[in-house]
Amino acid sequence: PVVVENRQGERTTCVVGFPIRPSEEMAAALVRQQLGMGVAVPD
């Protein structure tokens, strides 16, 4: 489970699949996909 909070203070729990506990950086990448942001990071 990865918990994120938006600007309005609403929390969302996303479940990400990964063989080991992901770092915060990897968790952010996986959550971005679930939130519909895709994998590409802005230039």
PDB file of all heavy atoms in Angstrom:
ATOM      1  N   PRO A   1       0.842  -1.197   0.000  1.00  0.00           N
ATOM      2  CA  PRO A   1       0.000   0.000   0.000  1.00  0.00           C
ATOM      3  C   PRO A   1       0.880   1.250   0.000  1.00  0.00           C
ATOM      4  O   PRO A   1       1.881   1.322   0.710  1.00  0.00           O
ATOM      5  CB  PRO A   1      -0.792  -0.126   1.305  1.00  0.00           C
ATOM      6  CG  PRO A   1       0.074  -0.958   2.196  1.00  0.00           C
ATOM      7  CD  PRO A   1       0.869  -1.868   1.301  1.00  0.00           C
ATOM      8  N   VAL A   2       0.508   2.197  -0.830  1.00  0.00           N
ATOM      9  CA  VAL A   2       1.213   3.479  -0.896  1.00  0.00           C
ATOM     10  C   VAL A   2       0.162   4.570  -0.697  1.00  0.00           C
ATOM     11  O   VAL A   2      -0.821   4.636  -1.435  1.00  0.00           O
ATOM     12  CB  VAL A   2       1.929   3.664  -2.255  1.00  0.00           C
ATOM     13  CG1 VAL A   2       2.620   5.016  -2.310  1.00  0.00           C
ATOM     14  CG2 VAL A   2       2.932   2.544  -2.480  1.00  0.00           C
ATOM     15  N   VAL A   3       0.367   5.400   0.303  1.00  0.00           N
ATOM     16  CA  VAL A   3      -0.597   6.456   0.634  1.00  0.00           C
ATOM     17  C   VAL A   3      -0.080   7.790   0.104  1.00  0.00           C
ATOM     18  O   VAL A   3       1.059   8.185   0.382  1.00  0.00           O
ATOM     19  CB  VAL A   3      -0.825   6.545   2.162  1.00  0.00           C
ATOM     20  CG1 VAL A   3      -1.861   7.612   2.488  1.00  0.00           C
ATOM     21  CG2 VAL A   3      -1.237   5.189   2.724  1.00  0.00           C
ATOM     22  N   VAL A   4      -0.938   8.462  -0.662  1.00  0.00           N
ATOM     23  CA  VAL A   4      -0.623   9.801  -1.167  1.00  0.00           C
ATOM     24  C   VAL A   4      -1.736  10.758  -0.748  1.00  0.00           C
ATOM     25  O   VAL A   4      -2.853  10.340  -0.459  1.00  0.00           O
ATOM     26  CB  VAL A   4      -0.455   9.820  -2.712  1.00  0.00           C
ATOM     27  CG1 VAL A   4       0.745   9.012  -3.137  1.00  0.00           C
ATOM     28  CG2 VAL A   4      -1.705   9.338  -3.412  1.00  0.00           C
ATOM     29  N   GLU A   5      -1.403  12.023  -0.721  1.00  0.00           N
ATOM     30  CA  GLU A   5      -2.363  13.061  -0.339  1.00  0.00           C
ATOM     31  C   GLU A   5      -2.362  14.139  -1.411  1.00  0.00           C
ATOM     32  O   GLU A   5      -1.295  14.557  -1.865  1.00  0.00           O
ATOM     33  CB  GLU A   5      -1.945  13.650   1.010  1.00  0.00           C
ATOM     34  CG  GLU A   5      -2.893  14.697   1.551  1.00  0.00           C
ATOM     35  CD  GLU A   5      -2.426  15.180   2.912  1.00  0.00           C
ATOM     36  OE1 GLU A   5      -1.387  15.888   2.972  1.00  0.00           O
ATOM     37  OE2 GLU A   5      -3.084  14.834   3.905  1.00  0.00           O
ATOM     38  N   ASN A   6      -3.560  14.578  -1.816  1.00  0.00           N
ATOM     39  CA  ASN A   6      -3.620  15.638  -2.831  1.00  0.00           C
ATOM     40  C   ASN A   6      -3.644  17.008  -2.167  1.00  0.00           C
ATOM     41  O   ASN A   6      -3.597  17.120  -0.936  1.00  0.00           O
ATOM     42  CB  ASN A   6      -4.808  15.435  -3.774  1.00  0.00           C
ATOM     43  CG  ASN A   6      -6.156  15.597  -3.098  1.00  0.00           C
ATOM     44  OD1 ASN A   6      -6.266  16.125  -1.985  1.00  0.00           O
ATOM     45  ND2 ASN A   6      -7.208  15.139  -3.745  1.00  0.00           N
ATOM     46  N   ARG A   7      -3.711  18.055  -2.971  1.00  0.00           N
ATOM     47  CA  ARG A   7      -3.661  19.430  -2.437  1.00  0.00           C
ATOM     48  C   ARG A   7      -4.811  19.758  -1.497  1.00  0.00           C
ATOM     49  O   ARG A   7      -4.692  20.627  -0.648  1.00  0.00           O
ATOM     50  CB  ARG A   7      -3.657  20.430  -3.604  1.00  0.00           C
ATOM     51  CG  ARG A   7      -2.373  20.440  -4.361  1.00  0.00           C
ATOM     52  CD  ARG A   7      -2.383  21.527  -5.432  1.00  0.00           C
ATOM     53  NE  ARG A   7      -1.123  21.525  -6.141  1.00  0.00           N
ATOM     54  CZ  ARG A   7      -0.994  21.374  -7.447  1.00  0.00           C
ATOM     55  NH1 ARG A   7      -2.066  21.237  -8.199  1.00  0.00           N
ATOM     56  NH2 ARG A   7       0.189  21.382  -8.003  1.00  0.00           N
ATOM     57  N   GLN A   8      -5.934  19.080  -1.685  1.00  0.00           N
ATOM     58  CA  GLN A   8      -7.102  19.328  -0.833  1.00  0.00           C
ATOM     59  C   GLN A   8      -7.046  18.537   0.476  1.00  0.00           C
ATOM     60  O   GLN A   8      -7.940  18.635   1.303  1.00  0.00           O
ATOM     61  CB  GLN A   8      -8.398  18.955  -1.580  1.00  0.00           C
ATOM     62  CG  GLN A   8      -8.725  19.868  -2.741  1.00  0.00           C
ATOM     63  CD  GLN A   8      -7.880  19.579  -3.977  1.00  0.00           C
ATOM     64  OE1 GLN A   8      -7.488  18.444  -4.237  1.00  0.00           O
ATOM     65  NE2 GLN A   8      -7.575  20.611  -4.732  1.00  0.00           N
ATOM     66  N   GLY A   9      -5.993  17.756   0.658  1.00  0.00           N
ATOM     67  CA  GLY A   9      -5.834  16.983   1.884  1.00  0.00           C
ATOM     68  C   GLY A   9      -6.499  15.616   1.843  1.00  0.00           C
ATOM     69  O   GLY A   9      -6.527  14.910   2.836  1.00  0.00           O
ATOM     70  N   GLU A  10      -7.039  15.227   0.680  1.00  0.00           N
ATOM     71  CA  GLU A  10      -7.672  13.919   0.548  1.00  0.00           C
ATOM     72  C   GLU A  10      -6.596  12.861   0.343  1.00  0.00           C
ATOM     73  O   GLU A  10      -5.710  13.021  -0.489  1.00  0.00           O
ATOM     74  CB  GLU A  10      -8.627  13.915  -0.650  1.00  0.00           C
ATOM     75  CG  GLU A  10      -9.749  14.909  -0.504  1.00  0.00           C
ATOM     76  CD  GLU A  10     -10.487  15.140  -1.822  1.00  0.00           C
ATOM     77  OE1 GLU A  10      -9.928  14.864  -2.905  1.00  0.00           O
ATOM     78  OE2 GLU A  10     -11.622  15.616  -1.749  1.00  0.00           O
ATOM     79  N   ARG A  11      -6.710  11.799   1.096  1.00  0.00           N
ATOM     80  CA  ARG A  11      -5.718  10.721   1.001  1.00  0.00           C
ATOM     81  C   ARG A  11      -6.239   9.591   0.129  1.00  0.00           C
ATOM     82  O   ARG A  11      -7.418   9.258   0.182  1.00  0.00           O
ATOM     83  CB  ARG A  11      -5.377  10.190   2.387  1.00  0.00           C
ATOM     84  CG  ARG A  11      -4.637  11.221   3.203  1.00  0.00           C
ATOM     85  CD  ARG A  11      -4.249  10.706   4.546  1.00  0.00           C
ATOM     86  NE  ARG A  11      -3.484  11.741   5.245  1.00  0.00           N
ATOM     87  CZ  ARG A  11      -2.869  11.553   6.367  1.00  0.00           C
ATOM     88  NH1 ARG A  11      -2.912  10.382   6.957  1.00  0.00           N
ATOM     89  NH2 ARG A  11      -2.202  12.543   6.930  1.00  0.00           N
ATOM     90  N   THR A  12      -5.344   9.017  -0.637  1.00  0.00           N
ATOM     91  CA  THR A  12      -5.658   7.887  -1.505  1.00  0.00           C
ATOM     92  C   THR A  12      -4.629   6.800  -1.241  1.00  0.00           C
ATOM     93  O   THR A  12      -3.433   7.085  -1.140  1.00  0.00           O
ATOM     94  CB  THR A  12      -5.574   8.306  -2.995  1.00  0.00           C
ATOM     95  OG1 THR A  12      -6.485   9.378  -3.225  1.00  0.00           O
ATOM     96  CG2 THR A  12      -5.904   7.150  -3.911  1.00  0.00           C
ATOM     97  N   THR A  13      -5.101   5.568  -1.124  1.00  0.00           N
ATOM     98  CA  THR A  13      -4.200   4.438  -0.981  1.00  0.00           C
ATOM     99  C   THR A  13      -4.199   3.666  -2.291  1.00  0.00           C
ATOM    100  O   THR A  13      -5.239   3.213  -2.748  1.00  0.00           O
ATOM    101  CB  THR A  13      -4.626   3.508   0.174  1.00  0.00           C
ATOM    102  OG1 THR A  13      -4.643   4.265   1.378  1.00  0.00           O
ATOM    103  CG2 THR A  13      -3.670   2.343   0.323  1.00  0.00           C
ATOM    104  N   CYS A  14      -3.032   3.541  -2.885  1.00  0.00           N
ATOM    105  CA  CYS A  14      -2.848   2.765  -4.107  1.00  0.00           C
ATOM    106  C   CYS A  14      -2.082   1.506  -3.731  1.00  0.00           C
ATOM    107  O   CYS A  14      -1.192   1.549  -2.889  1.00  0.00           O
ATOM    108  CB  CYS A  14      -2.044   3.562  -5.131  1.00  0.00           C
ATOM    109  SG  CYS A  14      -2.827   5.088  -5.659  1.00  0.00           S
ATOM    110  N   VAL A  15      -2.419   0.408  -4.364  1.00  0.00           N
ATOM    111  CA  VAL A  15      -1.700  -0.835  -4.123  1.00  0.00           C
ATOM    112  C   VAL A  15      -0.793  -1.076  -5.324  1.00  0.00           C
ATOM    113  O   VAL A  15      -1.260  -1.109  -6.460  1.00  0.00           O
ATOM    114  CB  VAL A  15      -2.669  -2.020  -3.933  1.00  0.00           C
ATOM    115  CG1 VAL A  15      -1.904  -3.322  -3.740  1.00  0.00           C
ATOM    116  CG2 VAL A  15      -3.582  -1.754  -2.749  1.00  0.00           C
ATOM    117  N   VAL A  16       0.495  -1.193  -5.061  1.00  0.00           N
ATOM    118  CA  VAL A  16       1.467  -1.394  -6.135  1.00  0.00           C
ATOM    119  C   VAL A  16       2.133  -2.754  -5.987  1.00  0.00           C
ATOM    120  O   VAL A  16       2.357  -3.226  -4.883  1.00  0.00           O
ATOM    121  CB  VAL A  16       2.535  -0.270  -6.172  1.00  0.00           C
ATOM    122  CG1 VAL A  16       1.875   1.081  -6.385  1.00  0.00           C
ATOM    123  CG2 VAL A  16       3.370  -0.239  -4.912  1.00  0.00           C
ATOM    124  N   GLY A  17       2.412  -3.378  -7.128  1.00  0.00           N
ATOM    125  CA  GLY A  17       3.065  -4.677  -7.130  1.00  0.00           C
ATOM    126  C   GLY A  17       4.545  -4.525  -7.443  1.00  0.00           C
ATOM    127  O   GLY A  17       4.914  -3.885  -8.429  1.00  0.00           O
ATOM    128  N   PHE A  18       5.377  -5.116  -6.598  1.00  0.00           N
ATOM    129  CA  PHE A  18       6.819  -5.045  -6.777  1.00  0.00           C
ATOM    130  C   PHE A  18       7.431  -6.169  -5.935  1.00  0.00           C
ATOM    131  O   PHE A  18       6.927  -6.466  -4.850  1.00  0.00           O
ATOM    132  CB  PHE A  18       7.345  -3.672  -6.317  1.00  0.00           C
ATOM    133  CG  PHE A  18       8.630  -3.260  -6.949  1.00  0.00           C
ATOM    134  CD1 PHE A  18       8.702  -2.994  -8.302  1.00  0.00           C
ATOM    135  CD2 PHE A  18       9.772  -3.147  -6.197  1.00  0.00           C
ATOM    136  CE1 PHE A  18       9.892  -2.613  -8.890  1.00  0.00           C
ATOM    137  CE2 PHE A  18      10.972  -2.762  -6.770  1.00  0.00           C
ATOM    138  CZ  PHE A  18      11.027  -2.494  -8.128  1.00  0.00           C
ATOM    139  N   PRO A  19       8.504  -6.816  -6.395  1.00  0.00           N
ATOM    140  CA  PRO A  19       9.044  -7.961  -5.651  1.00  0.00           C
ATOM    141  C   PRO A  19       9.567  -7.639  -4.247  1.00  0.00           C
ATOM    142  O   PRO A  19       9.491  -8.467  -3.355  1.00  0.00           O
ATOM    143  CB  PRO A  19      10.206  -8.447  -6.529  1.00  0.00           C
ATOM    144  CG  PRO A  19       9.959  -7.873  -7.874  1.00  0.00           C
ATOM    145  CD  PRO A  19       9.186  -6.621  -7.664  1.00  0.00           C
ATOM    146  N   ILE A  20      10.116  -6.439  -4.068  1.00  0.00           N
ATOM    147  CA  ILE A  20      10.616  -6.024  -2.752  1.00  0.00           C
ATOM    148  C   ILE A  20       9.960  -4.701  -2.394  1.00  0.00           C
ATOM    149  O   ILE A  20       9.366  -4.047  -3.248  1.00  0.00           O
ATOM    150  CB  ILE A  20      12.156  -5.872  -2.743  1.00  0.00           C
ATOM    151  CG1 ILE A  20      12.595  -4.828  -3.775  1.00  0.00           C
ATOM    152  CG2 ILE A  20      12.837  -7.210  -2.990  1.00  0.00           C
ATOM    153  CD1 ILE A  20      14.077  -4.485  -3.738  1.00  0.00           C
ATOM    154  N   ARG A  21      10.077  -4.295  -1.134  1.00  0.00           N
ATOM    155  CA  ARG A  21       9.483  -3.021  -0.726  1.00  0.00           C
ATOM    156  C   ARG A  21      10.102  -1.906  -1.564  1.00  0.00           C
ATOM    157  O   ARG A  21      11.313  -1.706  -1.551  1.00  0.00           O
ATOM    158  CB  ARG A  21       9.737  -2.754   0.753  1.00  0.00           C
ATOM    159  CG  ARG A  21       9.037  -1.503   1.262  1.00  0.00           C
ATOM    160  CD  ARG A  21       9.269  -1.350   2.765  1.00  0.00           C
ATOM    161  NE  ARG A  21       8.542  -0.222   3.272  1.00  0.00           N
ATOM    162  CZ  ARG A  21       9.021   1.018   3.333  1.00  0.00           C
ATOM    163  NH1 ARG A  21      10.237   1.280   2.904  1.00  0.00           N
ATOM    164  NH2 ARG A  21       8.283   1.992   3.816  1.00  0.00           N
ATOM    165  N   PRO A  22       9.270  -1.174  -2.321  1.00  0.00           N
ATOM    166  CA  PRO A  22       9.826  -0.143  -3.197  1.00  0.00           C
ATOM    167  C   PRO A  22      10.337   1.064  -2.413  1.00  0.00           C
ATOM    168  O   PRO A  22       9.802   1.406  -1.359  1.00  0.00           O
ATOM    169  CB  PRO A  22       8.645   0.248  -4.087  1.00  0.00           C
ATOM    170  CG  PRO A  22       7.428  -0.123  -3.312  1.00  0.00           C
ATOM    171  CD  PRO A  22       7.821  -1.285  -2.445  1.00  0.00           C
ATOM    172  N   SER A  23      11.375   1.683  -2.954  1.00  0.00           N
ATOM    173  CA  SER A  23      11.850   2.944  -2.390  1.00  0.00           C
ATOM    174  C   SER A  23      10.761   3.991  -2.623  1.00  0.00           C
ATOM    175  O   SER A  23       9.819   3.772  -3.401  1.00  0.00           O
ATOM    176  CB  SER A  23      13.134   3.377  -3.089  1.00  0.00           C
ATOM    177  OG  SER A  23      12.852   3.668  -4.458  1.00  0.00           O
ATOM    178  N   GLU A  24      10.878   5.131  -1.991  1.00  0.00           N
ATOM    179  CA  GLU A  24       9.899   6.194  -2.219  1.00  0.00           C
ATOM    180  C   GLU A  24       9.884   6.608  -3.690  1.00  0.00           C
ATOM    181  O   GLU A  24       8.835   6.878  -4.255  1.00  0.00           O
ATOM    182  CB  GLU A  24      10.187   7.394  -1.314  1.00  0.00           C
ATOM    183  CG  GLU A  24       9.825   7.140   0.128  1.00  0.00           C
ATOM    184  CD  GLU A  24       9.933   8.388   0.985  1.00  0.00           C
ATOM    185  OE1 GLU A  24      10.455   9.416   0.525  1.00  0.00           O
ATOM    186  OE2 GLU A  24       9.466   8.319   2.129  1.00  0.00           O
ATOM    187  N   GLU A  25      11.056   6.648  -4.316  1.00  0.00           N
ATOM    188  CA  GLU A  25      11.155   7.024  -5.726  1.00  0.00           C
ATOM    189  C   GLU A  25      10.421   6.020  -6.613  1.00  0.00           C
ATOM    190  O   GLU A  25       9.648   6.400  -7.495  1.00  0.00           O
ATOM    191  CB  GLU A  25      12.625   7.150  -6.136  1.00  0.00           C
ATOM    192  CG  GLU A  25      12.840   7.506  -7.580  1.00  0.00           C
ATOM    193  CD  GLU A  25      12.416   8.926  -7.947  1.00  0.00           C
ATOM    194  OE1 GLU A  25      12.070   9.728  -7.068  1.00  0.00           O
ATOM    195  OE2 GLU A  25      12.416   9.222  -9.141  1.00  0.00           O
ATOM    196  N   MET A  26      10.635   4.721  -6.382  1.00  0.00           N
ATOM    197  CA  MET A  26       9.959   3.693  -7.176  1.00  0.00           C
ATOM    198  C   MET A  26       8.463   3.699  -6.889  1.00  0.00           C
ATOM    199  O   MET A  26       7.644   3.567  -7.802  1.00  0.00           O
ATOM    200  CB  MET A  26      10.555   2.314  -6.880  1.00  0.00           C
ATOM    201  CG  MET A  26       9.877   1.187  -7.642  1.00  0.00           C
ATOM    202  SD  MET A  26       9.899   1.391  -9.439  1.00  0.00           S
ATOM    203  CE  MET A  26      11.584   0.992  -9.787  1.00  0.00           C
ATOM    204  N   ALA A  27       8.086   3.863  -5.628  1.00  0.00           N
ATOM    205  CA  ALA A  27       6.664   3.925  -5.274  1.00  0.00           C
ATOM    206  C   ALA A  27       5.995   5.104  -5.982  1.00  0.00           C
ATOM    207  O   ALA A  27       4.876   4.980  -6.495  1.00  0.00           O
ATOM    208  CB  ALA A  27       6.496   4.039  -3.762  1.00  0.00           C
ATOM    209  N   ALA A  28       6.674   6.238  -6.038  1.00  0.00           N
ATOM    210  CA  ALA A  28       6.119   7.412  -6.734  1.00  0.00           C
ATOM    211  C   ALA A  28       5.910   7.107  -8.210  1.00  0.00           C
ATOM    212  O   ALA A  28       4.893   7.480  -8.789  1.00  0.00           O
ATOM    213  CB  ALA A  28       7.048   8.617  -6.560  1.00  0.00           C
ATOM    214  N   ALA A  29       6.856   6.412  -8.830  1.00  0.00           N
ATOM    215  CA  ALA A  29       6.727   6.045 -10.247  1.00  0.00           C
ATOM    216  C   ALA A  29       5.528   5.134 -10.462  1.00  0.00           C
ATOM    217  O   ALA A  29       4.738   5.334 -11.395  1.00  0.00           O
ATOM    218  CB  ALA A  29       8.000   5.373 -10.734  1.00  0.00           C
ATOM    219  N   LEU A  30       5.360   4.136  -9.594  1.00  0.00           N
ATOM    220  CA  LEU A  30       4.254   3.191  -9.731  1.00  0.00           C
ATOM    221  C   LEU A  30       2.908   3.855  -9.459  1.00  0.00           C
ATOM    222  O   LEU A  30       1.918   3.578 -10.137  1.00  0.00           O
ATOM    223  CB  LEU A  30       4.476   1.996  -8.802  1.00  0.00           C
ATOM    224  CG  LEU A  30       5.707   1.138  -9.122  1.00  0.00           C
ATOM    225  CD1 LEU A  30       5.997   0.178  -7.978  1.00  0.00           C
ATOM    226  CD2 LEU A  30       5.524   0.398 -10.432  1.00  0.00           C
ATOM    227  N   VAL A  31       2.855   4.744  -8.475  1.00  0.00           N
ATOM    228  CA  VAL A  31       1.611   5.453  -8.151  1.00  0.00           C
ATOM    229  C   VAL A  31       1.238   6.422  -9.270  1.00  0.00           C
ATOM    230  O   VAL A  31       0.067   6.569  -9.606  1.00  0.00           O
ATOM    231  CB  VAL A  31       1.741   6.182  -6.790  1.00  0.00           C
ATOM    232  CG1 VAL A  31       0.633   7.188  -6.578  1.00  0.00           C
ATOM    233  CG2 VAL A  31       1.736   5.164  -5.666  1.00  0.00           C
ATOM    234  N   ARG A  32       2.222   7.078  -9.868  1.00  0.00           N
ATOM    235  CA  ARG A  32       1.939   7.987 -10.990  1.00  0.00           C
ATOM    236  C   ARG A  32       1.187   7.255 -12.094  1.00  0.00           C
ATOM    237  O   ARG A  32       0.242   7.779 -12.663  1.00  0.00           O
ATOM    238  CB  ARG A  32       3.239   8.575 -11.545  1.00  0.00           C
ATOM    239  CG  ARG A  32       3.790   9.725 -10.725  1.00  0.00           C
ATOM    240  CD  ARG A  32       5.129  10.216 -11.245  1.00  0.00           C
ATOM    241  NE  ARG A  32       5.251  10.276 -12.690  1.00  0.00           N
ATOM    242  CZ  ARG A  32       4.738  11.247 -13.470  1.00  0.00           C
ATOM    243  NH1 ARG A  32       4.089  12.230 -12.915  1.00  0.00           N
ATOM    244  NH2 ARG A  32       4.902  11.210 -14.785  1.00  0.00           N
ATOM    245  N   GLN A  33       1.574   6.022 -12.372  1.00  0.00           N
ATOM    246  CA  GLN A  33       0.874   5.224 -13.383  1.00  0.00           C
ATOM    247  C   GLN A  33      -0.569   4.991 -12.970  1.00  0.00           C
ATOM    248  O   GLN A  33      -1.477   5.130 -13.778  1.00  0.00           O
ATOM    249  CB  GLN A  33       1.563   3.878 -13.576  1.00  0.00           C
ATOM    250  CG  GLN A  33       2.867   3.963 -14.312  1.00  0.00           C
ATOM    251  CD  GLN A  33       3.484   2.596 -14.470  1.00  0.00           C
ATOM    252  OE1 GLN A  33       3.591   1.839 -13.504  1.00  0.00           O
ATOM    253  NE2 GLN A  33       3.882   2.281 -15.687  1.00  0.00           N
ATOM    254  N   GLN A  34      -0.792   4.624 -11.716  1.00  0.00           N
ATOM    255  CA  GLN A  34      -2.154   4.345 -11.247  1.00  0.00           C
ATOM    256  C   GLN A  34      -3.029   5.589 -11.236  1.00  0.00           C
ATOM    257  O   GLN A  34      -4.241   5.494 -11.396  1.00  0.00           O
ATOM    258  CB  GLN A  34      -2.118   3.719  -9.853  1.00  0.00           C
ATOM    259  CG  GLN A  34      -1.634   2.300  -9.882  1.00  0.00           C
ATOM    260  CD  GLN A  34      -1.934   1.586  -8.580  1.00  0.00           C
ATOM    261  OE1 GLN A  34      -2.712   2.046  -7.753  1.00  0.00           O
ATOM    262  NE2 GLN A  34      -1.304   0.446  -8.405  1.00  0.00           N
ATOM    263  N   LEU A  35      -2.435   6.744 -11.049  1.00  0.00           N
ATOM    264  CA  LEU A  35      -3.196   7.997 -11.035  1.00  0.00           C
ATOM    265  C   LEU A  35      -3.386   8.567 -12.439  1.00  0.00           C
ATOM    266  O   LEU A  35      -3.902   9.657 -12.601  1.00  0.00           O
ATOM    267  CB  LEU A  35      -2.510   9.023 -10.125  1.00  0.00           C
ATOM    268  CG  LEU A  35      -2.458   8.654  -8.642  1.00  0.00           C
ATOM    269  CD1 LEU A  35      -1.629   9.675  -7.876  1.00  0.00           C
ATOM    270  CD2 LEU A  35      -3.857   8.543  -8.049  1.00  0.00           C
ATOM    271  N   GLY A  36      -2.937   7.815 -13.454  1.00  0.00           N
ATOM    272  CA  GLY A  36      -3.143   8.214 -14.837  1.00  0.00           C
ATOM    273  C   GLY A  36      -2.139   9.211 -15.375  1.00  0.00           C
ATOM    274  O   GLY A  36      -2.384   9.864 -16.391  1.00  0.00           O
ATOM    275  N   MET A  37      -1.001   9.336 -14.729  1.00  0.00           N
ATOM    276  CA  MET A  37       0.013  10.296 -15.166  1.00  0.00           C
ATOM    277  C   MET A  37       1.012   9.690 -16.138  1.00  0.00           C
ATOM    278  O   MET A  37       1.852  10.394 -16.676  1.00  0.00           O
ATOM    279  CB  MET A  37       0.765  10.847 -13.947  1.00  0.00           C
ATOM    280  CG  MET A  37      -0.088  11.641 -13.032  1.00  0.00           C
ATOM    281  SD  MET A  37       0.876  12.162 -11.604  1.00  0.00           S
ATOM    282  CE  MET A  37      -0.405  12.226 -10.382  1.00  0.00           C
ATOM    283  N   GLY A  38       0.977   8.382 -16.334  1.00  0.00           N
ATOM    284  CA  GLY A  38       1.912   7.734 -17.244  1.00  0.00           C
ATOM    285  C   GLY A  38       3.284   7.568 -16.630  1.00  0.00           C
ATOM    286  O   GLY A  38       3.531   7.936 -15.486  1.00  0.00           O
ATOM    287  N   VAL A  39       4.176   7.012 -17.418  1.00  0.00           N
ATOM    288  CA  VAL A  39       5.515   6.732 -16.909  1.00  0.00           C
ATOM    289  C   VAL A  39       6.517   7.827 -17.229  1.00  0.00           C
ATOM    290  O   VAL A  39       7.554   7.940 -16.590  1.00  0.00           O
ATOM    291  CB  VAL A  39       6.050   5.381 -17.432  1.00  0.00           C
ATOM    292  CG1 VAL A  39       5.228   4.234 -16.885  1.00  0.00           C
ATOM    293  CG2 VAL A  39       6.062   5.350 -18.944  1.00  0.00           C
ATOM    294  N   ALA A  40       6.238   8.630 -18.229  1.00  0.00           N
ATOM    295  CA  ALA A  40       7.185   9.677 -18.634  1.00  0.00           C
ATOM    296  C   ALA A  40       7.189  10.820 -17.623  1.00  0.00           C
ATOM    297  O   ALA A  40       6.150  11.354 -17.264  1.00  0.00           O
ATOM    298  CB  ALA A  40       6.834  10.213 -20.013  1.00  0.00           C
ATOM    299  N   VAL A  41       8.374  11.165 -17.179  1.00  0.00           N
ATOM    300  CA  VAL A  41       8.550  12.285 -16.260  1.00  0.00           C
ATOM    301  C   VAL A  41       8.722  13.545 -17.116  1.00  0.00           C
ATOM    302  O   VAL A  41       9.393  13.507 -18.144  1.00  0.00           O
ATOM    303  CB  VAL A  41       9.795  12.044 -15.369  1.00  0.00           C
ATOM    304  CG1 VAL A  41      10.109  13.248 -14.515  1.00  0.00           C
ATOM    305  CG2 VAL A  41       9.588  10.810 -14.511  1.00  0.00           C
ATOM    306  N   PRO A  42       8.115  14.662 -16.721  1.00  0.00           N
ATOM    307  CA  PRO A  42       8.283  15.896 -17.505  1.00  0.00           C
ATOM    308  C   PRO A  42       9.759  16.229 -17.739  1.00  0.00           C
ATOM    309  O   PRO A  42      10.606  15.994 -16.863  1.00  0.00           O
ATOM    310  CB  PRO A  42       7.619  16.960 -16.630  1.00  0.00           C
ATOM    311  CG  PRO A  42       6.632  16.203 -15.803  1.00  0.00           C
ATOM    312  CD  PRO A  42       7.257  14.862 -15.559  1.00  0.00           C
ATOM    313  N   ASP A  43      10.049  16.766 -18.921  1.00  0.00           N
ATOM    314  CA  ASP A  43      11.439  17.046 -19.317  1.00  0.00           C
ATOM    315  C   ASP A  43      12.205  17.871 -18.293  1.00  0.00           C
ATOM    316  O   ASP A  43      13.371  17.602 -18.026  1.00  0.00           O
ATOM    317  CB  ASP A  43      11.481  17.764 -20.669  1.00  0.00           C
ATOM    318  CG  ASP A  43      11.152  16.820 -21.815  1.00  0.00           C
ATOM    319  OD1 ASP A  43      11.269  15.596 -21.642  1.00  0.00           O
ATOM    320  OD2 ASP A  43      10.768  17.329 -22.881  1.00  0.00           O
TER     321      ASP A  43
END
